Amino acid sequence: VRQGLVRLGGKEHMVRDFYFLRCNPGHTVRLQKSHFPPEPGLIRGNQKDRGVMYSVICHHTGHGKIPGKSDGKTAWYSWGGKEHQTSDFSYIVIVPPTVYPAPPPAYY
């Protein structure tokens, strides 16, 4: 049975209708620590009271690394039926393959 938890209103809610993140062939997923949302950051959506939210991985939560959301300053994650916040997180970034190969080194 496919099921997952989402956070809304400071609580966890069980859902059965969701999608997994997949990349196109050749793309890679990496984590990037930054003081501002990187490009191409993975935009999660909008939240009425906070605006654009980014997909992140929260670090040093006491529960391991946990997926969450961030407004660029603070990140929130769900654990134990509650919503928690942290400032220690990395953005999830999808990196496309190089369109043009790097030029060969110049010989002088």
PDB file of N, CA and C in Angstrom:
ATOM      1  N   VAL A   1       0.849  -1.174   0.000  1.00  0.00           N
ATOM      2  CA  VAL A   1       0.000   0.000   0.000  1.00  0.00           C
ATOM      3  C   VAL A   1       0.895   1.239   0.000  1.00  0.00           C
ATOM      4  N   ARG A   2       0.675   2.110  -0.948  1.00  0.00           N
ATOM      5  CA  ARG A   2       1.440   3.355  -1.010  1.00  0.00           C
ATOM      6  C   ARG A   2       0.793   4.381  -0.101  1.00  0.00           C
ATOM      7  N   GLN A   3       1.558   4.879   0.834  1.00  0.00           N
ATOM      8  CA  GLN A   3       1.073   5.947   1.688  1.00  0.00           C
ATOM      9  C   GLN A   3       2.245   6.791   2.154  1.00  0.00           C
ATOM     10  N   GLY A   4       1.967   8.015   2.493  1.00  0.00           N
ATOM     11  CA  GLY A   4       3.013   8.907   2.951  1.00  0.00           C
ATOM     12  C   GLY A   4       2.431   9.922   3.913  1.00  0.00           C
ATOM     13  N   LEU A   5       3.310  10.713   4.482  1.00  0.00           N
ATOM     14  CA  LEU A   5       2.899  11.754   5.417  1.00  0.00           C
ATOM     15  C   LEU A   5       3.237  13.115   4.841  1.00  0.00           C
ATOM     16  N   VAL A   6       2.306  14.047   4.976  1.00  0.00           N
ATOM     17  CA  VAL A   6       2.564  15.435   4.605  1.00  0.00           C
ATOM     18  C   VAL A   6       2.260  16.303   5.811  1.00  0.00           C
ATOM     19  N   ARG A   7       2.901  17.450   5.873  1.00  0.00           N
ATOM     20  CA  ARG A   7       2.650  18.348   6.994  1.00  0.00           C
ATOM     21  C   ARG A   7       1.772  19.504   6.530  1.00  0.00           C
ATOM     22  N   LEU A   8       0.829  19.852   7.349  1.00  0.00           N
ATOM     23  CA  LEU A   8      -0.089  20.952   7.073  1.00  0.00           C
ATOM     24  C   LEU A   8      -0.653  21.430   8.396  1.00  0.00           C
ATOM     25  N   GLY A   9      -0.560  22.695   8.656  1.00  0.00           N
ATOM     26  CA  GLY A   9      -1.104  23.252   9.887  1.00  0.00           C
ATOM     27  C   GLY A   9      -0.402  22.756  11.136  1.00  0.00           C
ATOM     28  N   GLY A  10       0.896  22.420  11.021  1.00  0.00           N
ATOM     29  CA  GLY A  10       1.647  21.955  12.169  1.00  0.00           C
ATOM     30  C   GLY A  10       1.391  20.511  12.544  1.00  0.00           C
ATOM     31  N   LYS A  11       0.657  19.777  11.698  1.00  0.00           N
ATOM     32  CA  LYS A  11       0.354  18.373  11.973  1.00  0.00           C
ATOM     33  C   LYS A  11       0.708  17.514  10.775  1.00  0.00           C
ATOM     34  N   GLU A  12       0.888  16.211  11.024  1.00  0.00           N
ATOM     35  CA  GLU A  12       1.108  15.253   9.947  1.00  0.00           C
ATOM     36  C   GLU A  12      -0.237  14.678   9.504  1.00  0.00           C
ATOM     37  N   HIS A  13      -0.366  14.479   8.180  1.00  0.00           N
ATOM     38  CA  HIS A  13      -1.578  13.890   7.615  1.00  0.00           C
ATOM     39  C   HIS A  13      -1.184  12.748   6.693  1.00  0.00           C
ATOM     40  N   MET A  14      -1.863  11.602   6.804  1.00  0.00           N
ATOM     41  CA  MET A  14      -1.609  10.446   5.955  1.00  0.00           C
ATOM     42  C   MET A  14      -2.238  10.698   4.579  1.00  0.00           C
ATOM     43  N   VAL A  15      -1.463  10.447   3.519  1.00  0.00           N
ATOM     44  CA  VAL A  15      -1.965  10.592   2.151  1.00  0.00           C
ATOM     45  C   VAL A  15      -1.648   9.337   1.350  1.00  0.00           C
ATOM     46  N   ARG A  16      -2.467   9.064   0.374  1.00  0.00           N
ATOM     47  CA  ARG A  16      -2.241   7.931  -0.521  1.00  0.00           C
ATOM     48  C   ARG A  16      -2.095   8.386  -1.971  1.00  0.00           C
ATOM     49  N   ASP A  17      -2.300   9.666  -2.226  1.00  0.00           N
ATOM     50  CA  ASP A  17      -2.213  10.212  -3.575  1.00  0.00           C
ATOM     51  C   ASP A  17      -0.999  11.138  -3.636  1.00  0.00           C
ATOM     52  N   PHE A  18       0.139  10.637  -4.151  1.00  0.00           N
ATOM     53  CA  PHE A  18       1.350  11.435  -4.225  1.00  0.00           C
ATOM     54  C   PHE A  18       2.242  10.888  -5.326  1.00  0.00           C
ATOM     55  N   TYR A  19       3.297  11.611  -5.637  1.00  0.00           N
ATOM     56  CA  TYR A  19       4.224  11.232  -6.692  1.00  0.00           C
ATOM     57  C   TYR A  19       5.643  11.218  -6.142  1.00  0.00           C
ATOM     58  N   PHE A  20       6.495  10.407  -6.748  1.00  0.00           N
ATOM     59  CA  PHE A  20       7.911  10.378  -6.421  1.00  0.00           C
ATOM     60  C   PHE A  20       8.641  11.325  -7.359  1.00  0.00           C
ATOM     61  N   LEU A  21       9.740  11.877  -6.903  1.00  0.00           N
ATOM     62  CA  LEU A  21      10.578  12.735  -7.728  1.00  0.00           C
ATOM     63  C   LEU A  21      11.468  11.864  -8.597  1.00  0.00           C
ATOM     64  N   ARG A  22      11.419  12.106  -9.897  1.00  0.00           N
ATOM     65  CA  ARG A  22      12.290  11.398 -10.842  1.00  0.00           C
ATOM     66  C   ARG A  22      12.951  12.417 -11.742  1.00  0.00           C
ATOM     67  N   CYS A  23      14.173  12.117 -12.140  1.00  0.00           N
ATOM     68  CA  CYS A  23      14.907  12.984 -13.060  1.00  0.00           C
ATOM     69  C   CYS A  23      14.917  12.371 -14.446  1.00  0.00           C
ATOM     70  N   ASN A  24      15.039  13.217 -15.436  1.00  0.00           N
ATOM     71  CA  ASN A  24      15.230  12.737 -16.793  1.00  0.00           C
ATOM     72  C   ASN A  24      16.602  12.075 -16.891  1.00  0.00           C
ATOM     73  N   PRO A  25      16.770  11.156 -17.839  1.00  0.00           N
ATOM     74  CA  PRO A  25      18.081  10.519 -18.002  1.00  0.00           C
ATOM     75  C   PRO A  25      19.175  11.567 -18.189  1.00  0.00           C
ATOM     76  N   GLY A  26      20.297  11.350 -17.534  1.00  0.00           N
ATOM     77  CA  GLY A  26      21.424  12.265 -17.637  1.00  0.00           C
ATOM     78  C   GLY A  26      21.432  13.352 -16.581  1.00  0.00           C
ATOM     79  N   HIS A  27      20.287  13.640 -15.986  1.00  0.00           N
ATOM     80  CA  HIS A  27      20.216  14.631 -14.916  1.00  0.00           C
ATOM     81  C   HIS A  27      20.677  13.985 -13.610  1.00  0.00           C
ATOM     82  N   THR A  28      21.148  14.794 -12.702  1.00  0.00           N
ATOM     83  CA  THR A  28      21.543  14.294 -11.387  1.00  0.00           C
ATOM     84  C   THR A  28      20.879  15.133 -10.303  1.00  0.00           C
ATOM     85  N   VAL A  29      20.707  14.531  -9.150  1.00  0.00           N
ATOM     86  CA  VAL A  29      20.156  15.224  -8.000  1.00  0.00           C
ATOM     87  C   VAL A  29      21.289  15.428  -7.007  1.00  0.00           C
ATOM     88  N   ARG A  30      21.429  16.622  -6.492  1.00  0.00           N
ATOM     89  CA  ARG A  30      22.453  16.866  -5.481  1.00  0.00           C
ATOM     90  C   ARG A  30      21.896  17.792  -4.413  1.00  0.00           C
ATOM     91  N   LEU A  31      22.571  17.803  -3.275  1.00  0.00           N
ATOM     92  CA  LEU A  31      22.208  18.691  -2.183  1.00  0.00           C
ATOM     93  C   LEU A  31      23.176  19.864  -2.191  1.00  0.00           C
ATOM     94  N   GLN A  32      22.635  21.066  -2.005  1.00  0.00           N
ATOM     95  CA  GLN A  32      23.478  22.257  -2.012  1.00  0.00           C
ATOM     96  C   GLN A  32      23.153  23.128  -0.813  1.00  0.00           C
ATOM     97  N   LYS A  33      24.161  23.317   0.052  1.00  0.00           N
ATOM     98  CA  LYS A  33      24.010  24.247   1.179  1.00  0.00           C
ATOM     99  C   LYS A  33      24.255  25.644   0.633  1.00  0.00           C
ATOM    100  N   SER A  34      23.374  26.573   0.968  1.00  0.00           N
ATOM    101  CA  SER A  34      23.479  27.916   0.441  1.00  0.00           C
ATOM    102  C   SER A  34      22.692  28.862   1.338  1.00  0.00           C
ATOM    103  N   HIS A  35      23.061  30.135   1.353  1.00  0.00           N
ATOM    104  CA  HIS A  35      22.335  31.128   2.137  1.00  0.00           C
ATOM    105  C   HIS A  35      21.157  31.701   1.373  1.00  0.00           C
ATOM    106  N   PHE A  36      20.980  31.261   0.145  1.00  0.00           N
ATOM    107  CA  PHE A  36      19.860  31.706  -0.681  1.00  0.00           C
ATOM    108  C   PHE A  36      19.482  30.562  -1.613  1.00  0.00           C
ATOM    109  N   PRO A  37      18.246  30.533  -2.102  1.00  0.00           N
ATOM    110  CA  PRO A  37      17.831  29.440  -2.997  1.00  0.00           C
ATOM    111  C   PRO A  37      18.661  29.428  -4.275  1.00  0.00           C
ATOM    112  N   PRO A  38      19.279  28.297  -4.586  1.00  0.00           N
ATOM    113  CA  PRO A  38      20.114  28.207  -5.788  1.00  0.00           C
ATOM    114  C   PRO A  38      19.258  28.031  -7.041  1.00  0.00           C
ATOM    115  N   GLU A  39      19.856  28.316  -8.151  1.00  0.00           N
ATOM    116  CA  GLU A  39      19.239  27.999  -9.437  1.00  0.00           C
ATOM    117  C   GLU A  39      20.053  26.867 -10.027  1.00  0.00           C
ATOM    118  N   PRO A  40      19.501  25.791 -10.472  1.00  0.00           N
ATOM    119  CA  PRO A  40      18.073  25.528 -10.514  1.00  0.00           C
ATOM    120  C   PRO A  40      17.592  24.837  -9.233  1.00  0.00           C
ATOM    121  N   GLY A  41      17.080  25.579  -8.281  1.00  0.00           N
ATOM    122  CA  GLY A  41      16.512  24.994  -7.071  1.00  0.00           C
ATOM    123  C   GLY A  41      15.193  24.323  -7.387  1.00  0.00           C
ATOM    124  N   LEU A  42      14.854  23.323  -6.642  1.00  0.00           N
ATOM    125  CA  LEU A  42      13.620  22.593  -6.877  1.00  0.00           C
ATOM    126  C   LEU A  42      12.495  23.290  -6.114  1.00  0.00           C
ATOM    127  N   ILE A  43      11.669  24.032  -6.824  1.00  0.00           N
ATOM    128  CA  ILE A  43      10.569  24.753  -6.197  1.00  0.00           C
ATOM    129  C   ILE A  43       9.461  23.777  -5.862  1.00  0.00           C
ATOM    130  N   ARG A  44       9.045  23.799  -4.633  1.00  0.00           N
ATOM    131  CA  ARG A  44       8.015  22.898  -4.145  1.00  0.00           C
ATOM    132  C   ARG A  44       6.629  23.480  -4.384  1.00  0.00           C
ATOM    133  N   GLY A  45       6.475  24.775  -4.305  1.00  0.00           N
ATOM    134  CA  GLY A  45       5.178  25.400  -4.486  1.00  0.00           C
ATOM    135  C   GLY A  45       5.100  26.704  -3.721  1.00  0.00           C
ATOM    136  N   ASN A  46       3.888  27.160  -3.502  1.00  0.00           N
ATOM    137  CA  ASN A  46       3.644  28.397  -2.769  1.00  0.00           C
ATOM    138  C   ASN A  46       2.843  28.107  -1.523  1.00  0.00           C
ATOM    139  N   GLN A  47       3.085  28.884  -0.508  1.00  0.00           N
ATOM    140  CA  GLN A  47       2.317  28.777   0.726  1.00  0.00           C
ATOM    141  C   GLN A  47       1.758  30.162   1.016  1.00  0.00           C
ATOM    142  N   LYS A  48       0.470  30.246   1.321  1.00  0.00           N
ATOM    143  CA  LYS A  48      -0.207  31.538   1.477  1.00  0.00           C
ATOM    144  C   LYS A  48       0.521  32.481   2.430  1.00  0.00           C
ATOM    145  N   ASP A  49       0.990  31.968   3.551  1.00  0.00           N
ATOM    146  CA  ASP A  49       1.604  32.842   4.550  1.00  0.00           C
ATOM    147  C   ASP A  49       3.113  33.004   4.392  1.00  0.00           C
ATOM    148  N   ARG A  50       3.744  32.285   3.451  1.00  0.00           N
ATOM    149  CA  ARG A  50       5.207  32.373   3.328  1.00  0.00           C
ATOM    150  C   ARG A  50       5.695  32.540   1.894  1.00  0.00           C
ATOM    151  N   GLY A  51       4.863  32.411   0.892  1.00  0.00           N
ATOM    152  CA  GLY A  51       5.293  32.555  -0.498  1.00  0.00           C
ATOM    153  C   GLY A  51       5.915  31.285  -1.042  1.00  0.00           C
ATOM    154  N   VAL A  52       6.928  31.438  -1.908  1.00  0.00           N
ATOM    155  CA  VAL A  52       7.579  30.309  -2.580  1.00  0.00           C
ATOM    156  C   VAL A  52       8.309  29.446  -1.555  1.00  0.00           C
ATOM    157  N   MET A  53       8.125  28.141  -1.681  1.00  0.00           N
ATOM    158  CA  MET A  53       8.790  27.177  -0.799  1.00  0.00           C
ATOM    159  C   MET A  53       9.636  26.249  -1.663  1.00  0.00           C
ATOM    160  N   TYR A  54      10.813  25.863  -1.146  1.00  0.00           N
ATOM    161  CA  TYR A  54      11.751  25.000  -1.854  1.00  0.00           C
ATOM    162  C   TYR A  54      11.841  23.649  -1.156  1.00  0.00           C
ATOM    163  N   SER A  55      12.115  22.609  -1.933  1.00  0.00           N
ATOM    164  CA  SER A  55      12.335  21.280  -1.373  1.00  0.00           C
ATOM    165  C   SER A  55      13.744  21.212  -0.813  1.00  0.00           C
ATOM    166  N   VAL A  56      13.856  20.724   0.430  1.00  0.00           N
ATOM    167  CA  VAL A  56      15.151  20.673   1.113  1.00  0.00           C
ATOM    168  C   VAL A  56      15.298  19.363   1.875  1.00  0.00           C
ATOM    169  N   ILE A  57      16.515  19.107   2.326  1.00  0.00           N
ATOM    170  CA  ILE A  57      16.801  18.037   3.265  1.00  0.00           C
ATOM    171  C   ILE A  57      17.278  18.711   4.546  1.00  0.00           C
ATOM    172  N   CYS A  58      16.604  18.439   5.647  1.00  0.00           N
ATOM    173  CA  CYS A  58      16.952  19.017   6.945  1.00  0.00           C
ATOM    174  C   CYS A  58      17.997  18.129   7.611  1.00  0.00           C
ATOM    175  N   HIS A  59      19.057  18.739   8.135  1.00  0.00           N
ATOM    176  CA  HIS A  59      20.171  18.021   8.753  1.00  0.00           C
ATOM    177  C   HIS A  59      20.125  18.141  10.264  1.00  0.00           C
ATOM    178  N   HIS A  60      20.798  17.227  10.954  1.00  0.00           N
ATOM    179  CA  HIS A  60      20.979  17.287  12.404  1.00  0.00           C
ATOM    180  C   HIS A  60      19.661  17.553  13.128  1.00  0.00           C
ATOM    181  N   THR A  61      18.645  16.782  12.775  1.00  0.00           N
ATOM    182  CA  THR A  61      17.323  16.984  13.366  1.00  0.00           C
ATOM    183  C   THR A  61      17.138  16.195  14.649  1.00  0.00           C
ATOM    184  N   GLY A  62      18.050  15.295  14.963  1.00  0.00           N
ATOM    185  CA  GLY A  62      17.841  14.378  16.070  1.00  0.00           C
ATOM    186  C   GLY A  62      17.123  13.125  15.598  1.00  0.00           C
ATOM    187  N   HIS A  63      16.651  13.161  14.346  1.00  0.00           N
ATOM    188  CA  HIS A  63      15.943  12.024  13.747  1.00  0.00           C
ATOM    189  C   HIS A  63      16.601  11.634  12.420  1.00  0.00           C
ATOM    190  N   GLY A  64      17.790  12.166  12.149  1.00  0.00           N
ATOM    191  CA  GLY A  64      18.458  11.903  10.883  1.00  0.00           C
ATOM    192  C   GLY A  64      18.158  13.002   9.881  1.00  0.00           C
ATOM    193  N   LYS A  65      18.484  12.738   8.623  1.00  0.00           N
ATOM    194  CA  LYS A  65      18.199  13.696   7.551  1.00  0.00           C
ATOM    195  C   LYS A  65      16.770  13.460   7.074  1.00  0.00           C
ATOM    196  N   ILE A  66      15.983  14.520   7.048  1.00  0.00           N
ATOM    197  CA  ILE A  66      14.560  14.403   6.745  1.00  0.00           C
ATOM    198  C   ILE A  66      14.177  15.415   5.670  1.00  0.00           C
ATOM    199  N   PRO A  67      13.376  15.011   4.662  1.00  0.00           N
ATOM    200  CA  PRO A  67      12.910  15.976   3.663  1.00  0.00           C
ATOM    201  C   PRO A  67      12.017  17.024   4.310  1.00  0.00           C
ATOM    202  N   GLY A  68      12.080  18.216   3.753  1.00  0.00           N
ATOM    203  CA  GLY A  68      11.257  19.299   4.274  1.00  0.00           C
ATOM    204  C   GLY A  68      11.042  20.381   3.236  1.00  0.00           C
ATOM    205  N   LYS A  69      10.631  21.541   3.714  1.00  0.00           N
ATOM    206  CA  LYS A  69      10.381  22.691   2.851  1.00  0.00           C
ATOM    207  C   LYS A  69      11.057  23.900   3.479  1.00  0.00           C
ATOM    208  N   SER A  70      11.422  24.875   2.630  1.00  0.00           N
ATOM    209  CA  SER A  70      12.096  26.065   3.131  1.00  0.00           C
ATOM    210  C   SER A  70      11.653  27.291   2.364  1.00  0.00           C
ATOM    211  N   ASP A  71      11.615  28.410   3.073  1.00  0.00           N
ATOM    212  CA  ASP A  71      11.349  29.698   2.435  1.00  0.00           C
ATOM    213  C   ASP A  71      12.658  30.403   2.077  1.00  0.00           C
ATOM    214  N   GLY A  72      13.790  29.740   2.306  1.00  0.00           N
ATOM    215  CA  GLY A  72      15.097  30.317   2.019  1.00  0.00           C
ATOM    216  C   GLY A  72      15.835  30.741   3.273  1.00  0.00           C
ATOM    217  N   LYS A  73      15.131  30.852   4.385  1.00  0.00           N
ATOM    218  CA  LYS A  73      15.757  31.237   5.655  1.00  0.00           C
ATOM    219  C   LYS A  73      15.630  30.127   6.689  1.00  0.00           C
ATOM    220  N   THR A  74      14.451  29.552   6.787  1.00  0.00           N
ATOM    221  CA  THR A  74      14.133  28.508   7.757  1.00  0.00           C
ATOM    222  C   THR A  74      13.579  27.313   7.005  1.00  0.00           C
ATOM    223  N   ALA A  75      13.777  26.120   7.550  1.00  0.00           N
ATOM    224  CA  ALA A  75      13.205  24.907   6.962  1.00  0.00           C
ATOM    225  C   ALA A  75      12.295  24.251   7.993  1.00  0.00           C
ATOM    226  N   TRP A  76      11.261  23.580   7.500  1.00  0.00           N
ATOM    227  CA  TRP A  76      10.313  22.867   8.352  1.00  0.00           C
ATOM    228  C   TRP A  76      10.246  21.420   7.895  1.00  0.00           C
ATOM    229  N   TYR A  77      10.136  20.516   8.858  1.00  0.00           N
ATOM    230  CA  TYR A  77       9.990  19.098   8.555  1.00  0.00           C
ATOM    231  C   TYR A  77       8.997  18.497   9.541  1.00  0.00           C
ATOM    232  N   SER A  78       8.441  17.367   9.156  1.00  0.00           N
ATOM    233  CA  SER A  78       7.437  16.695   9.962  1.00  0.00           C
ATOM    234  C   SER A  78       8.050  15.500  10.676  1.00  0.00           C
ATOM    235  N   TRP A  79       7.775  15.369  11.982  1.00  0.00           N
ATOM    236  CA  TRP A  79       8.256  14.221  12.746  1.00  0.00           C
ATOM    237  C   TRP A  79       7.372  14.051  13.978  1.00  0.00           C
ATOM    238  N   GLY A  80       6.950  12.822  14.211  1.00  0.00           N
ATOM    239  CA  GLY A  80       6.186  12.516  15.417  1.00  0.00           C
ATOM    240  C   GLY A  80       4.861  13.227  15.515  1.00  0.00           C
ATOM    241  N   GLY A  81       4.226  13.485  14.373  1.00  0.00           N
ATOM    242  CA  GLY A  81       2.923  14.142  14.379  1.00  0.00           C
ATOM    243  C   GLY A  81       2.978  15.650  14.524  1.00  0.00           C
ATOM    244  N   LYS A  82       4.182  16.229  14.501  1.00  0.00           N
ATOM    245  CA  LYS A  82       4.329  17.674  14.658  1.00  0.00           C
ATOM    246  C   LYS A  82       5.242  18.247  13.584  1.00  0.00           C
ATOM    247  N   GLU A  83       5.129  19.539  13.377  1.00  0.00           N
ATOM    248  CA  GLU A  83       6.013  20.235  12.454  1.00  0.00           C
ATOM    249  C   GLU A  83       7.131  20.890  13.259  1.00  0.00           C
ATOM    250  N   HIS A  84       8.386  20.661  12.832  1.00  0.00           N
ATOM    251  CA  HIS A  84       9.559  21.207  13.509  1.00  0.00           C
ATOM    252  C   HIS A  84      10.283  22.147  12.552  1.00  0.00           C
ATOM    253  N   GLN A  85      11.106  23.039  13.075  1.00  0.00           N
ATOM    254  CA  GLN A  85      11.872  23.919  12.201  1.00  0.00           C
ATOM    255  C   GLN A  85      13.354  23.857  12.523  1.00  0.00           C
ATOM    256  N   THR A  86      14.162  24.197  11.506  1.00  0.00           N
ATOM    257  CA  THR A  86      15.612  24.193  11.640  1.00  0.00           C
ATOM    258  C   THR A  86      16.202  25.202  10.669  1.00  0.00           C
ATOM    259  N   SER A  87      17.417  25.636  10.944  1.00  0.00           N
ATOM    260  CA  SER A  87      18.139  26.498  10.006  1.00  0.00           C
ATOM    261  C   SER A  87      19.284  25.722   9.342  1.00  0.00           C
ATOM    262  N   ASP A  88      19.394  24.423   9.644  1.00  0.00           N
ATOM    263  CA  ASP A  88      20.439  23.573   9.086  1.00  0.00           C
ATOM    264  C   ASP A  88      19.828  22.680   8.008  1.00  0.00           C
ATOM    265  N   PHE A  89      19.941  23.099   6.751  1.00  0.00           N
ATOM    266  CA  PHE A  89      19.323  22.352   5.653  1.00  0.00           C
ATOM    267  C   PHE A  89      20.105  22.579   4.368  1.00  0.00           C
ATOM    268  N   SER A  90      19.848  21.699   3.385  1.00  0.00           N
ATOM    269  CA  SER A  90      20.411  21.824   2.038  1.00  0.00           C
ATOM    270  C   SER A  90      19.275  21.785   1.038  1.00  0.00           C
ATOM    271  N   TYR A  91      19.418  22.577  -0.019  1.00  0.00           N
ATOM    272  CA  TYR A  91      18.430  22.571  -1.098  1.00  0.00           C
ATOM    273  C   TYR A  91      18.611  21.326  -1.955  1.00  0.00           C
ATOM    274  N   ILE A  92      17.495  20.790  -2.456  1.00  0.00           N
ATOM    275  CA  ILE A  92      17.544  19.704  -3.427  1.00  0.00           C
ATOM    276  C   ILE A  92      17.615  20.360  -4.803  1.00  0.00           C
ATOM    277  N   VAL A  93      18.664  20.048  -5.556  1.00  0.00           N
ATOM    278  CA  VAL A  93      18.901  20.670  -6.858  1.00  0.00           C
ATOM    279  C   VAL A  93      18.979  19.576  -7.918  1.00  0.00           C
ATOM    280  N   ILE A  94      18.292  19.783  -9.037  1.00  0.00           N
ATOM    281  CA  ILE A  94      18.382  18.872 -10.178  1.00  0.00           C
ATOM    282  C   ILE A  94      19.295  19.526 -11.208  1.00  0.00           C
ATOM    283  N   VAL A  95      20.360  18.821 -11.547  1.00  0.00           N
ATOM    284  CA  VAL A  95      21.363  19.361 -12.466  1.00  0.00           C
ATOM    285  C   VAL A  95      21.217  18.668 -13.815  1.00  0.00           C
ATOM    286  N   PRO A  96      20.927  19.443 -14.870  1.00  0.00           N
ATOM    287  CA  PRO A  96      20.794  18.834 -16.196  1.00  0.00           C
ATOM    288  C   PRO A  96      22.158  18.437 -16.752  1.00  0.00           C
ATOM    289  N   PRO A  97      22.162  17.523 -17.725  1.00  0.00           N
ATOM    290  CA  PRO A  97      23.444  17.148 -18.335  1.00  0.00           C
ATOM    291  C   PRO A  97      24.014  18.339 -19.098  1.00  0.00           C
ATOM    292  N   THR A  98      25.306  18.334 -19.291  1.00  0.00           N
ATOM    293  CA  THR A  98      25.938  19.404 -20.056  1.00  0.00           C
ATOM    294  C   THR A  98      25.485  19.310 -21.495  1.00  0.00           C
ATOM    295  N   VAL A  99      24.960  20.413 -22.007  1.00  0.00           N
ATOM    296  CA  VAL A  99      24.462  20.424 -23.383  1.00  0.00           C
ATOM    297  C   VAL A  99      25.623  20.410 -24.364  1.00  0.00           C
ATOM    298  N   TYR A 100      26.614  21.232 -24.103  1.00  0.00           N
ATOM    299  CA  TYR A 100      27.784  21.296 -24.979  1.00  0.00           C
ATOM    300  C   TYR A 100      28.992  20.834 -24.185  1.00  0.00           C
ATOM    301  N   PRO A 101      29.759  19.907 -24.722  1.00  0.00           N
ATOM    302  CA  PRO A 101      30.950  19.457 -23.983  1.00  0.00           C
ATOM    303  C   PRO A 101      31.950  20.620 -23.842  1.00  0.00           C
ATOM    304  N   ALA A 102      32.736  20.550 -22.822  1.00  0.00           N
ATOM    305  CA  ALA A 102      33.762  21.578 -22.600  1.00  0.00           C
ATOM    306  C   ALA A 102      34.720  21.570 -23.794  1.00  0.00           C
ATOM    307  N   PRO A 103      35.191  22.756 -24.211  1.00  0.00           N
ATOM    308  CA  PRO A 103      36.125  22.788 -25.340  1.00  0.00           C
ATOM    309  C   PRO A 103      37.435  22.111 -24.957  1.00  0.00           C
ATOM    310  N   PRO A 104      38.145  21.568 -25.952  1.00  0.00           N
ATOM    311  CA  PRO A 104      39.431  20.923 -25.652  1.00  0.00           C
ATOM    312  C   PRO A 104      40.416  21.984 -25.150  1.00  0.00           C
ATOM    313  N   PRO A 105      41.401  21.564 -24.367  1.00  0.00           N
ATOM    314  CA  PRO A 105      42.377  22.542 -23.867  1.00  0.00           C
ATOM    315  C   PRO A 105      43.144  23.158 -25.016  1.00  0.00           C
ATOM    316  N   ALA A 106      43.467  24.442 -24.870  1.00  0.00           N
ATOM    317  CA  ALA A 106      44.224  25.146 -25.909  1.00  0.00           C
ATOM    318  C   ALA A 106      45.693  24.781 -25.803  1.00  0.00           C
ATOM    319  N   TYR A 107      46.321  24.602 -26.935  1.00  0.00           N
ATOM    320  CA  TYR A 107      47.754  24.288 -26.966  1.00  0.00           C
ATOM    321  C   TYR A 107      48.481  25.513 -27.506  1.00  0.00           C
ATOM    322  N   TYR A 108      49.490  25.964 -26.800  1.00  0.00           N
ATOM    323  CA  TYR A 108      50.269  27.138 -27.230  1.00  0.00           C
ATOM    324  C   TYR A 108      51.649  26.718 -27.621  1.00  0.00           C
TER     325      TYR A 108
END
